Amino acid sequence: MKHLLRLAMLPIALLAFTPAHSADLKKGEQLFNNNCISCHAAHFGNNGSDIFTRPNHRVTSLVGLKKQVIRCRDNLGLTWFDEDVDDVVAYLNARYYKFKK
């Protein structure tokens, strides 16, 4: 029974934004620019930042932002480490969202 409880809690632990490393905003920006911006621009025009600044954006928390970055990573088939995801989340949060940790 203990094992089932641990397994049930695993997704929650994976979604928490508590990077073991110090997030690298420059690396997050570079990863975002190299892998994400073209898709965002194709769907939202201009430089793609409208996805973050539109009034009805879906991301409403830091955990939600991380889930969305993971969803995009998986949809694009990127082979990012957890640290890469954390770097992109930290960059997007610093640049657009300003969620409190």
PDB file of N, CA and C in Angstrom:
ATOM      1  N   MET A   1       0.809  -1.186   0.000  1.00  0.00           N
ATOM      2  CA  MET A   1       0.000   0.000   0.000  1.00  0.00           C
ATOM      3  C   MET A   1       0.860   1.260   0.000  1.00  0.00           C
ATOM      4  N   LYS A   2       1.984   1.238   0.724  1.00  0.00           N
ATOM      5  CA  LYS A   2       2.884   2.385   0.756  1.00  0.00           C
ATOM      6  C   LYS A   2       3.392   2.696  -0.647  1.00  0.00           C
ATOM      7  N   HIS A   3       3.679   1.635  -1.426  1.00  0.00           N
ATOM      8  CA  HIS A   3       4.204   1.830  -2.781  1.00  0.00           C
ATOM      9  C   HIS A   3       3.176   2.513  -3.664  1.00  0.00           C
ATOM     10  N   LEU A   4       1.920   2.150  -3.518  1.00  0.00           N
ATOM     11  CA  LEU A   4       0.873   2.782  -4.322  1.00  0.00           C
ATOM     12  C   LEU A   4       0.731   4.254  -3.975  1.00  0.00           C
ATOM     13  N   LEU A   5       0.841   4.575  -2.708  1.00  0.00           N
ATOM     14  CA  LEU A   5       0.758   5.962  -2.287  1.00  0.00           C
ATOM     15  C   LEU A   5       1.919   6.762  -2.858  1.00  0.00           C
ATOM     16  N   ARG A   6       3.106   6.187  -2.817  1.00  0.00           N
ATOM     17  CA  ARG A   6       4.272   6.867  -3.387  1.00  0.00           C
ATOM     18  C   ARG A   6       4.090   7.096  -4.876  1.00  0.00           C
ATOM     19  N   LEU A   7       3.593   6.096  -5.587  1.00  0.00           N
ATOM     20  CA  LEU A   7       3.378   6.233  -7.028  1.00  0.00           C
ATOM     21  C   LEU A   7       2.317   7.287  -7.329  1.00  0.00           C
ATOM     22  N   ALA A   8       1.284   7.334  -6.511  1.00  0.00           N
ATOM     23  CA  ALA A   8       0.216   8.308  -6.729  1.00  0.00           C
ATOM     24  C   ALA A   8       0.725   9.730  -6.525  1.00  0.00           C
ATOM     25  N   MET A   9       1.681   9.909  -5.649  1.00  0.00           N
ATOM     26  CA  MET A   9       2.201  11.241  -5.368  1.00  0.00           C
ATOM     27  C   MET A   9       3.295  11.660  -6.332  1.00  0.00           C
ATOM     28  N   LEU A  10       3.837  10.747  -7.108  1.00  0.00           N
ATOM     29  CA  LEU A  10       4.941  11.038  -8.011  1.00  0.00           C
ATOM     30  C   LEU A  10       4.614  12.147  -9.006  1.00  0.00           C
ATOM     31  N   PRO A  11       3.464  12.122  -9.690  1.00  0.00           N
ATOM     32  CA  PRO A  11       3.186  13.211 -10.635  1.00  0.00           C
ATOM     33  C   PRO A  11       3.147  14.586  -9.974  1.00  0.00           C
ATOM     34  N   ILE A  12       2.654  14.657  -8.759  1.00  0.00           N
ATOM     35  CA  ILE A  12       2.610  15.935  -8.052  1.00  0.00           C
ATOM     36  C   ILE A  12       4.026  16.425  -7.795  1.00  0.00           C
ATOM     37  N   ALA A  13       4.893  15.530  -7.379  1.00  0.00           N
ATOM     38  CA  ALA A  13       6.282  15.898  -7.113  1.00  0.00           C
ATOM     39  C   ALA A  13       6.980  16.338  -8.392  1.00  0.00           C
ATOM     40  N   LEU A  14       6.679  15.694  -9.507  1.00  0.00           N
ATOM     41  CA  LEU A  14       7.318  16.046 -10.769  1.00  0.00           C
ATOM     42  C   LEU A  14       6.878  17.416 -11.268  1.00  0.00           C
ATOM     43  N   LEU A  15       5.675  17.831 -10.925  1.00  0.00           N
ATOM     44  CA  LEU A  15       5.158  19.099 -11.417  1.00  0.00           C
ATOM     45  C   LEU A  15       5.585  20.294 -10.571  1.00  0.00           C
ATOM     46  N   ALA A  16       6.007  20.035  -9.374  1.00  0.00           N
ATOM     47  CA  ALA A  16       6.404  21.144  -8.503  1.00  0.00           C
ATOM     48  C   ALA A  16       7.613  21.848  -9.105  1.00  0.00           C
ATOM     49  N   PHE A  17       7.634  23.159  -9.011  1.00  0.00           N
ATOM     50  CA  PHE A  17       8.747  23.915  -9.554  1.00  0.00           C
ATOM     51  C   PHE A  17       9.723  24.234  -8.440  1.00  0.00           C
ATOM     52  N   THR A  18      10.562  23.283  -8.150  1.00  0.00           N
ATOM     53  CA  THR A  18      11.602  23.488  -7.164  1.00  0.00           C
ATOM     54  C   THR A  18      12.897  22.931  -7.730  1.00  0.00           C
ATOM     55  N   PRO A  19      13.512  23.692  -8.649  1.00  0.00           N
ATOM     56  CA  PRO A  19      14.708  23.169  -9.292  1.00  0.00           C
ATOM     57  C   PRO A  19      15.834  22.958  -8.303  1.00  0.00           C
ATOM     58  N   ALA A  20      16.557  21.853  -8.472  1.00  0.00           N
ATOM     59  CA  ALA A  20      17.696  21.550  -7.617  1.00  0.00           C
ATOM     60  C   ALA A  20      18.882  22.424  -8.016  1.00  0.00           C
ATOM     61  N   HIS A  21      18.849  22.904  -9.241  1.00  0.00           N
ATOM     62  CA  HIS A  21      19.916  23.784  -9.707  1.00  0.00           C
ATOM     63  C   HIS A  21      19.393  25.217  -9.765  1.00  0.00           C
ATOM     64  N   SER A  22      20.290  26.128  -9.842  1.00  0.00           N
ATOM     65  CA  SER A  22      19.894  27.525  -9.981  1.00  0.00           C
ATOM     66  C   SER A  22      19.486  27.750 -11.431  1.00  0.00           C
ATOM     67  N   ALA A  23      18.252  28.164 -11.649  1.00  0.00           N
ATOM     68  CA  ALA A  23      17.737  28.324 -13.003  1.00  0.00           C
ATOM     69  C   ALA A  23      18.590  29.320 -13.781  1.00  0.00           C
ATOM     70  N   ASP A  24      18.841  28.977 -15.030  1.00  0.00           N
ATOM     71  CA  ASP A  24      19.663  29.784 -15.925  1.00  0.00           C
ATOM     72  C   ASP A  24      18.743  30.471 -16.931  1.00  0.00           C
ATOM     73  N   LEU A  25      18.452  31.743 -16.683  1.00  0.00           N
ATOM     74  CA  LEU A  25      17.524  32.481 -17.539  1.00  0.00           C
ATOM     75  C   LEU A  25      18.047  32.623 -18.966  1.00  0.00           C
ATOM     76  N   LYS A  26      19.344  32.818 -19.116  1.00  0.00           N
ATOM     77  CA  LYS A  26      19.934  32.938 -20.464  1.00  0.00           C
ATOM     78  C   LYS A  26      19.748  31.647 -21.240  1.00  0.00           C
ATOM     79  N   LYS A  27      20.006  30.524 -20.587  1.00  0.00           N
ATOM     80  CA  LYS A  27      19.835  29.231 -21.245  1.00  0.00           C
ATOM     81  C   LYS A  27      18.359  28.998 -21.565  1.00  0.00           C
ATOM     82  N   GLY A  28      17.472  29.356 -20.643  1.00  0.00           N
ATOM     83  CA  GLY A  28      16.041  29.227 -20.885  1.00  0.00           C
ATOM     84  C   GLY A  28      15.598  30.042 -22.078  1.00  0.00           C
ATOM     85  N   GLU A  29      16.102  31.267 -22.181  1.00  0.00           N
ATOM     86  CA  GLU A  29      15.776  32.119 -23.327  1.00  0.00           C
ATOM     87  C   GLU A  29      16.291  31.511 -24.628  1.00  0.00           C
ATOM     88  N   GLN A  30      17.502  30.997 -24.590  1.00  0.00           N
ATOM     89  CA  GLN A  30      18.089  30.380 -25.783  1.00  0.00           C
ATOM     90  C   GLN A  30      17.296  29.141 -26.203  1.00  0.00           C
ATOM     91  N   LEU A  31      16.950  28.289 -25.256  1.00  0.00           N
ATOM     92  CA  LEU A  31      16.151  27.104 -25.567  1.00  0.00           C
ATOM     93  C   LEU A  31      14.801  27.493 -26.147  1.00  0.00           C
ATOM     94  N   PHE A  32      14.174  28.495 -25.541  1.00  0.00           N
ATOM     95  CA  PHE A  32      12.886  28.961 -26.018  1.00  0.00           C
ATOM     96  C   PHE A  32      13.002  29.515 -27.436  1.00  0.00           C
ATOM     97  N   ASN A  33      13.973  30.377 -27.670  1.00  0.00           N
ATOM     98  CA  ASN A  33      14.145  30.978 -28.994  1.00  0.00           C
ATOM     99  C   ASN A  33      14.484  29.942 -30.060  1.00  0.00           C
ATOM    100  N   ASN A  34      15.266  28.950 -29.709  1.00  0.00           N
ATOM    101  CA  ASN A  34      15.685  27.944 -30.687  1.00  0.00           C
ATOM    102  C   ASN A  34      14.628  26.884 -30.965  1.00  0.00           C
ATOM    103  N   ASN A  35      13.709  26.669 -30.034  1.00  0.00           N
ATOM    104  CA  ASN A  35      12.787  25.541 -30.168  1.00  0.00           C
ATOM    105  C   ASN A  35      11.304  25.891 -30.160  1.00  0.00           C
ATOM    106  N   CYS A  36      10.946  27.027 -29.606  1.00  0.00           N
ATOM    107  CA  CYS A  36       9.527  27.304 -29.347  1.00  0.00           C
ATOM    108  C   CYS A  36       8.957  28.469 -30.146  1.00  0.00           C
ATOM    109  N   ILE A  37       9.752  29.485 -30.348  1.00  0.00           N
ATOM    110  CA  ILE A  37       9.219  30.739 -30.863  1.00  0.00           C
ATOM    111  C   ILE A  37       8.620  30.600 -32.259  1.00  0.00           C
ATOM    112  N   SER A  38       9.157  29.749 -33.104  1.00  0.00           N
ATOM    113  CA  SER A  38       8.614  29.623 -34.463  1.00  0.00           C
ATOM    114  C   SER A  38       7.189  29.077 -34.433  1.00  0.00           C
ATOM    115  N   CYS A  39       6.918  28.136 -33.559  1.00  0.00           N
ATOM    116  CA  CYS A  39       5.561  27.599 -33.422  1.00  0.00           C
ATOM    117  C   CYS A  39       4.630  28.662 -32.859  1.00  0.00           C
ATOM    118  N   HIS A  40       5.082  29.386 -31.845  1.00  0.00           N
ATOM    119  CA  HIS A  40       4.267  30.437 -31.255  1.00  0.00           C
ATOM    120  C   HIS A  40       3.954  31.510 -32.287  1.00  0.00           C
ATOM    121  N   ALA A  41       4.955  31.898 -33.071  1.00  0.00           N
ATOM    122  CA  ALA A  41       4.747  32.928 -34.088  1.00  0.00           C
ATOM    123  C   ALA A  41       3.781  32.436 -35.168  1.00  0.00           C
ATOM    124  N   ALA A  42       3.871  31.168 -35.526  1.00  0.00           N
ATOM    125  CA  ALA A  42       2.970  30.615 -36.542  1.00  0.00           C
ATOM    126  C   ALA A  42       1.516  30.635 -36.069  1.00  0.00           C
ATOM    127  N   HIS A  43       1.308  30.425 -34.790  1.00  0.00           N
ATOM    128  CA  HIS A  43      -0.053  30.381 -34.245  1.00  0.00           C
ATOM    129  C   HIS A  43      -0.584  31.740 -33.782  1.00  0.00           C
ATOM    130  N   PHE A  44       0.315  32.635 -33.390  1.00  0.00           N
ATOM    131  CA  PHE A  44      -0.132  33.897 -32.799  1.00  0.00           C
ATOM    132  C   PHE A  44       0.410  35.132 -33.507  1.00  0.00           C
ATOM    133  N   GLY A  45       1.165  34.941 -34.584  1.00  0.00           N
ATOM    134  CA  GLY A  45       1.664  36.075 -35.350  1.00  0.00           C
ATOM    135  C   GLY A  45       2.819  36.793 -34.689  1.00  0.00           C
ATOM    136  N   ASN A  46       3.312  37.800 -35.394  1.00  0.00           N
ATOM    137  CA  ASN A  46       4.434  38.616 -34.928  1.00  0.00           C
ATOM    138  C   ASN A  46       5.571  37.757 -34.386  1.00  0.00           C
ATOM    139  N   ASN A  47       5.991  38.030 -33.174  1.00  0.00           N
ATOM    140  CA  ASN A  47       7.093  37.274 -32.577  1.00  0.00           C
ATOM    141  C   ASN A  47       6.607  36.147 -31.673  1.00  0.00           C
ATOM    142  N   GLY A  48       5.320  35.910 -31.634  1.00  0.00           N
ATOM    143  CA  GLY A  48       4.764  34.806 -30.845  1.00  0.00           C
ATOM    144  C   GLY A  48       4.499  35.117 -29.397  1.00  0.00           C
ATOM    145  N   SER A  49       4.898  36.302 -28.939  1.00  0.00           N
ATOM    146  CA  SER A  49       4.718  36.616 -27.516  1.00  0.00           C
ATOM    147  C   SER A  49       3.260  36.892 -27.152  1.00  0.00           C
ATOM    148  N   ASP A  50       2.411  37.067 -28.158  1.00  0.00           N
ATOM    149  CA  ASP A  50       0.991  37.308 -27.870  1.00  0.00           C
ATOM    150  C   ASP A  50       0.351  36.155 -27.100  1.00  0.00           C
ATOM    151  N   ILE A  51       0.925  34.965 -27.216  1.00  0.00           N
ATOM    152  CA  ILE A  51       0.390  33.817 -26.471  1.00  0.00           C
ATOM    153  C   ILE A  51       0.469  34.073 -24.963  1.00  0.00           C
ATOM    154  N   PHE A  52       1.462  34.827 -24.539  1.00  0.00           N
ATOM    155  CA  PHE A  52       1.651  35.087 -23.107  1.00  0.00           C
ATOM    156  C   PHE A  52       0.881  36.303 -22.621  1.00  0.00           C
ATOM    157  N   THR A  53       0.646  37.238 -23.514  1.00  0.00           N
ATOM    158  CA  THR A  53       0.060  38.511 -23.099  1.00  0.00           C
ATOM    159  C   THR A  53      -1.427  38.629 -23.428  1.00  0.00           C
ATOM    160  N   ARG A  54      -1.993  37.629 -24.098  1.00  0.00           N
ATOM    161  CA  ARG A  54      -3.420  37.688 -24.430  1.00  0.00           C
ATOM    162  C   ARG A  54      -4.244  37.613 -23.140  1.00  0.00           C
ATOM    163  N   PRO A  55      -5.394  38.258 -23.130  1.00  0.00           N
ATOM    164  CA  PRO A  55      -6.196  38.307 -21.901  1.00  0.00           C
ATOM    165  C   PRO A  55      -6.708  36.942 -21.435  1.00  0.00           C
ATOM    166  N   ASN A  56      -6.913  36.023 -22.330  1.00  0.00           N
ATOM    167  CA  ASN A  56      -7.475  34.720 -21.948  1.00  0.00           C
ATOM    168  C   ASN A  56      -6.430  33.609 -21.929  1.00  0.00           C
ATOM    169  N   HIS A  57      -5.188  33.945 -21.533  1.00  0.00           N
ATOM    170  CA  HIS A  57      -4.179  32.886 -21.503  1.00  0.00           C
ATOM    171  C   HIS A  57      -4.531  31.845 -20.455  1.00  0.00           C
ATOM    172  N   ARG A  58      -4.134  30.614 -20.743  1.00  0.00           N
ATOM    173  CA  ARG A  58      -4.550  29.473 -19.913  1.00  0.00           C
ATOM    174  C   ARG A  58      -3.667  29.245 -18.693  1.00  0.00           C
ATOM    175  N   VAL A  59      -2.457  29.718 -18.732  1.00  0.00           N
ATOM    176  CA  VAL A  59      -1.518  29.483 -17.644  1.00  0.00           C
ATOM    177  C   VAL A  59      -1.791  30.485 -16.535  1.00  0.00           C
ATOM    178  N   THR A  60      -2.078  29.956 -15.346  1.00  0.00           N
ATOM    179  CA  THR A  60      -2.447  30.830 -14.228  1.00  0.00           C
ATOM    180  C   THR A  60      -1.593  30.609 -12.980  1.00  0.00           C
ATOM    181  N   SER A  61      -0.578  29.750 -13.093  1.00  0.00           N
ATOM    182  CA  SER A  61       0.282  29.479 -11.943  1.00  0.00           C
ATOM    183  C   SER A  61       1.626  28.966 -12.438  1.00  0.00           C
ATOM    184  N   LEU A  62       2.588  28.948 -11.544  1.00  0.00           N
ATOM    185  CA  LEU A  62       3.914  28.435 -11.884  1.00  0.00           C
ATOM    186  C   LEU A  62       3.855  26.946 -12.210  1.00  0.00           C
ATOM    187  N   VAL A  63       3.059  26.199 -11.462  1.00  0.00           N
ATOM    188  CA  VAL A  63       2.885  24.770 -11.737  1.00  0.00           C
ATOM    189  C   VAL A  63       2.235  24.594 -13.112  1.00  0.00           C
ATOM    190  N   GLY A  64       1.235  25.406 -13.415  1.00  0.00           N
ATOM    191  CA  GLY A  64       0.580  25.352 -14.722  1.00  0.00           C
ATOM    192  C   GLY A  64       1.535  25.698 -15.848  1.00  0.00           C
ATOM    193  N   LEU A  65       2.428  26.656 -15.613  1.00  0.00           N
ATOM    194  CA  LEU A  65       3.427  27.017 -16.617  1.00  0.00           C
ATOM    195  C   LEU A  65       4.355  25.846 -16.892  1.00  0.00           C
ATOM    196  N   LYS A  66       4.787  25.187 -15.842  1.00  0.00           N
ATOM    197  CA  LYS A  66       5.673  24.037 -16.029  1.00  0.00           C
ATOM    198  C   LYS A  66       4.953  22.923 -16.788  1.00  0.00           C
ATOM    199  N   LYS A  67       3.712  22.676 -16.461  1.00  0.00           N
ATOM    200  CA  LYS A  67       2.934  21.654 -17.176  1.00  0.00           C
ATOM    201  C   LYS A  67       2.841  21.997 -18.655  1.00  0.00           C
ATOM    202  N   GLN A  68       2.632  23.276 -18.971  1.00  0.00           N
ATOM    203  CA  GLN A  68       2.511  23.694 -20.362  1.00  0.00           C
ATOM    204  C   GLN A  68       3.845  23.553 -21.099  1.00  0.00           C
ATOM    205  N   VAL A  69       4.932  23.916 -20.462  1.00  0.00           N
ATOM    206  CA  VAL A  69       6.256  23.765 -21.090  1.00  0.00           C
ATOM    207  C   VAL A  69       6.535  22.288 -21.355  1.00  0.00           C
ATOM    208  N   ILE A  70       6.194  21.426 -20.421  1.00  0.00           N
ATOM    209  CA  ILE A  70       6.374  19.985 -20.609  1.00  0.00           C
ATOM    210  C   ILE A  70       5.501  19.494 -21.761  1.00  0.00           C
ATOM    211  N   ARG A  71       4.268  19.969 -21.826  1.00  0.00           N
ATOM    212  CA  ARG A  71       3.355  19.582 -22.912  1.00  0.00           C
ATOM    213  C   ARG A  71       3.936  19.998 -24.271  1.00  0.00           C
ATOM    214  N   CYS A  72       4.424  21.213 -24.359  1.00  0.00           N
ATOM    215  CA  CYS A  72       5.024  21.689 -25.614  1.00  0.00           C
ATOM    216  C   CYS A  72       6.287  20.891 -25.955  1.00  0.00           C
ATOM    217  N   ARG A  73       7.122  20.655 -24.959  1.00  0.00           N
ATOM    218  CA  ARG A  73       8.334  19.858 -25.178  1.00  0.00           C
ATOM    219  C   ARG A  73       7.979  18.489 -25.753  1.00  0.00           C
ATOM    220  N   ASP A  74       6.997  17.847 -25.160  1.00  0.00           N
ATOM    221  CA  ASP A  74       6.604  16.509 -25.607  1.00  0.00           C
ATOM    222  C   ASP A  74       5.989  16.540 -27.000  1.00  0.00           C
ATOM    223  N   ASN A  75       5.169  17.562 -27.285  1.00  0.00           N
ATOM    224  CA  ASN A  75       4.556  17.682 -28.609  1.00  0.00           C
ATOM    225  C   ASN A  75       5.591  17.903 -29.700  1.00  0.00           C
ATOM    226  N   LEU A  76       6.672  18.599 -29.364  1.00  0.00           N
ATOM    227  CA  LEU A  76       7.733  18.852 -30.337  1.00  0.00           C
ATOM    228  C   LEU A  76       8.763  17.735 -30.378  1.00  0.00           C
ATOM    229  N   GLY A  77       8.680  16.807 -29.445  1.00  0.00           N
ATOM    230  CA  GLY A  77       9.638  15.700 -29.409  1.00  0.00           C
ATOM    231  C   GLY A  77      11.039  16.131 -29.001  1.00  0.00           C
ATOM    232  N   LEU A  78      11.115  17.167 -28.172  1.00  0.00           N
ATOM    233  CA  LEU A  78      12.417  17.649 -27.713  1.00  0.00           C
ATOM    234  C   LEU A  78      12.962  16.736 -26.629  1.00  0.00           C
ATOM    235  N   THR A  79      14.253  16.617 -26.588  1.00  0.00           N
ATOM    236  CA  THR A  79      14.901  15.773 -25.575  1.00  0.00           C
ATOM    237  C   THR A  79      15.582  16.662 -24.538  1.00  0.00           C
ATOM    238  N   TRP A  80      14.758  17.404 -23.810  1.00  0.00           N
ATOM    239  CA  TRP A  80      15.263  18.291 -22.772  1.00  0.00           C
ATOM    240  C   TRP A  80      15.372  17.559 -21.451  1.00  0.00           C
ATOM    241  N   PHE A  81      16.396  17.902 -20.694  1.00  0.00           N
ATOM    242  CA  PHE A  81      16.526  17.439 -19.322  1.00  0.00           C
ATOM    243  C   PHE A  81      15.556  18.243 -18.449  1.00  0.00           C
ATOM    244  N   ASP A  82      15.309  17.762 -17.241  1.00  0.00           N
ATOM    245  CA  ASP A  82      14.447  18.488 -16.303  1.00  0.00           C
ATOM    246  C   ASP A  82      14.978  19.903 -16.066  1.00  0.00           C
ATOM    247  N   GLU A  83      16.295  20.053 -16.037  1.00  0.00           N
ATOM    248  CA  GLU A  83      16.901  21.362 -15.831  1.00  0.00           C
ATOM    249  C   GLU A  83      16.579  22.310 -16.987  1.00  0.00           C
ATOM    250  N   ASP A  84      16.512  21.765 -18.208  1.00  0.00           N
ATOM    251  CA  ASP A  84      16.165  22.588 -19.364  1.00  0.00           C
ATOM    252  C   ASP A  84      14.741  23.108 -19.241  1.00  0.00           C
ATOM    253  N   VAL A  85      13.834  22.239 -18.837  1.00  0.00           N
ATOM    254  CA  VAL A  85      12.447  22.649 -18.624  1.00  0.00           C
ATOM    255  C   VAL A  85      12.397  23.740 -17.554  1.00  0.00           C
ATOM    256  N   ASP A  86      13.101  23.535 -16.453  1.00  0.00           N
ATOM    257  CA  ASP A  86      13.119  24.530 -15.375  1.00  0.00           C
ATOM    258  C   ASP A  86      13.684  25.865 -15.855  1.00  0.00           C
ATOM    259  N   ASP A  87      14.705  25.817 -16.720  1.00  0.00           N
ATOM    260  CA  ASP A  87      15.296  27.044 -17.250  1.00  0.00           C
ATOM    261  C   ASP A  87      14.293  27.799 -18.124  1.00  0.00           C
ATOM    262  N   VAL A  88      13.567  27.084 -18.974  1.00  0.00           N
ATOM    263  CA  VAL A  88      12.569  27.722 -19.830  1.00  0.00           C
ATOM    264  C   VAL A  88      11.428  28.280 -18.982  1.00  0.00           C
ATOM    265  N   VAL A  89      10.973  27.524 -17.996  1.00  0.00           N
ATOM    266  CA  VAL A  89       9.919  27.995 -17.094  1.00  0.00           C
ATOM    267  C   VAL A  89      10.381  29.263 -16.377  1.00  0.00           C
ATOM    268  N   ALA A  90      11.595  29.252 -15.866  1.00  0.00           N
ATOM    269  CA  ALA A  90      12.109  30.429 -15.149  1.00  0.00           C
ATOM    270  C   ALA A  90      12.198  31.631 -16.088  1.00  0.00           C
ATOM    271  N   TYR A  91      12.653  31.417 -17.313  1.00  0.00           N
ATOM    272  CA  TYR A  91      12.742  32.512 -18.285  1.00  0.00           C
ATOM    273  C   TYR A  91      11.354  33.084 -18.592  1.00  0.00           C
ATOM    274  N   LEU A  92      10.404  32.205 -18.915  1.00  0.00           N
ATOM    275  CA  LEU A  92       9.057  32.676 -19.251  1.00  0.00           C
ATOM    276  C   LEU A  92       8.400  33.383 -18.068  1.00  0.00           C
ATOM    277  N   ASN A  93       8.635  32.858 -16.877  1.00  0.00           N
ATOM    278  CA  ASN A  93       8.058  33.486 -15.695  1.00  0.00           C
ATOM    279  C   ASN A  93       8.671  34.871 -15.468  1.00  0.00           C
ATOM    280  N   ALA A  94       9.974  34.986 -15.604  1.00  0.00           N
ATOM    281  CA  ALA A  94      10.642  36.272 -15.406  1.00  0.00           C
ATOM    282  C   ALA A  94      10.235  37.278 -16.483  1.00  0.00           C
ATOM    283  N   ARG A  95      10.079  36.799 -17.691  1.00  0.00           N
ATOM    284  CA  ARG A  95       9.790  37.687 -18.831  1.00  0.00           C
ATOM    285  C   ARG A  95       8.311  38.097 -18.920  1.00  0.00           C
ATOM    286  N   TYR A  96       7.409  37.158 -18.662  1.00  0.00           N
ATOM    287  CA  TYR A  96       5.990  37.407 -18.929  1.00  0.00           C
ATOM    288  C   TYR A  96       5.061  37.274 -17.722  1.00  0.00           C
ATOM    289  N   TYR A  97       5.185  36.213 -16.974  1.00  0.00           N
ATOM    290  CA  TYR A  97       4.138  35.879 -16.005  1.00  0.00           C
ATOM    291  C   TYR A  97       4.315  36.512 -14.624  1.00  0.00           C
ATOM    292  N   LYS A  98       5.517  36.479 -14.097  1.00  0.00           N
ATOM    293  CA  LYS A  98       5.798  37.056 -12.777  1.00  0.00           C
ATOM    294  C   LYS A  98       5.064  36.346 -11.634  1.00  0.00           C
ATOM    295  N   PHE A  99       4.907  35.015 -11.744  1.00  0.00           N
ATOM    296  CA  PHE A  99       4.308  34.261 -10.653  1.00  0.00           C
ATOM    297  C   PHE A  99       5.282  34.224  -9.479  1.00  0.00           C
ATOM    298  N   LYS A 100       4.751  34.257  -8.285  1.00  0.00           N
ATOM    299  CA  LYS A 100       5.566  34.129  -7.076  1.00  0.00           C
ATOM    300  C   LYS A 100       5.858  32.668  -6.839  1.00  0.00           C
ATOM    301  N   LYS A 101       7.049  32.387  -6.348  1.00  0.00           N
ATOM    302  CA  LYS A 101       7.438  31.004  -6.079  1.00  0.00           C
ATOM    303  C   LYS A 101       6.892  30.548  -4.764  1.00  0.00           C
TER     304      LYS A 101
END
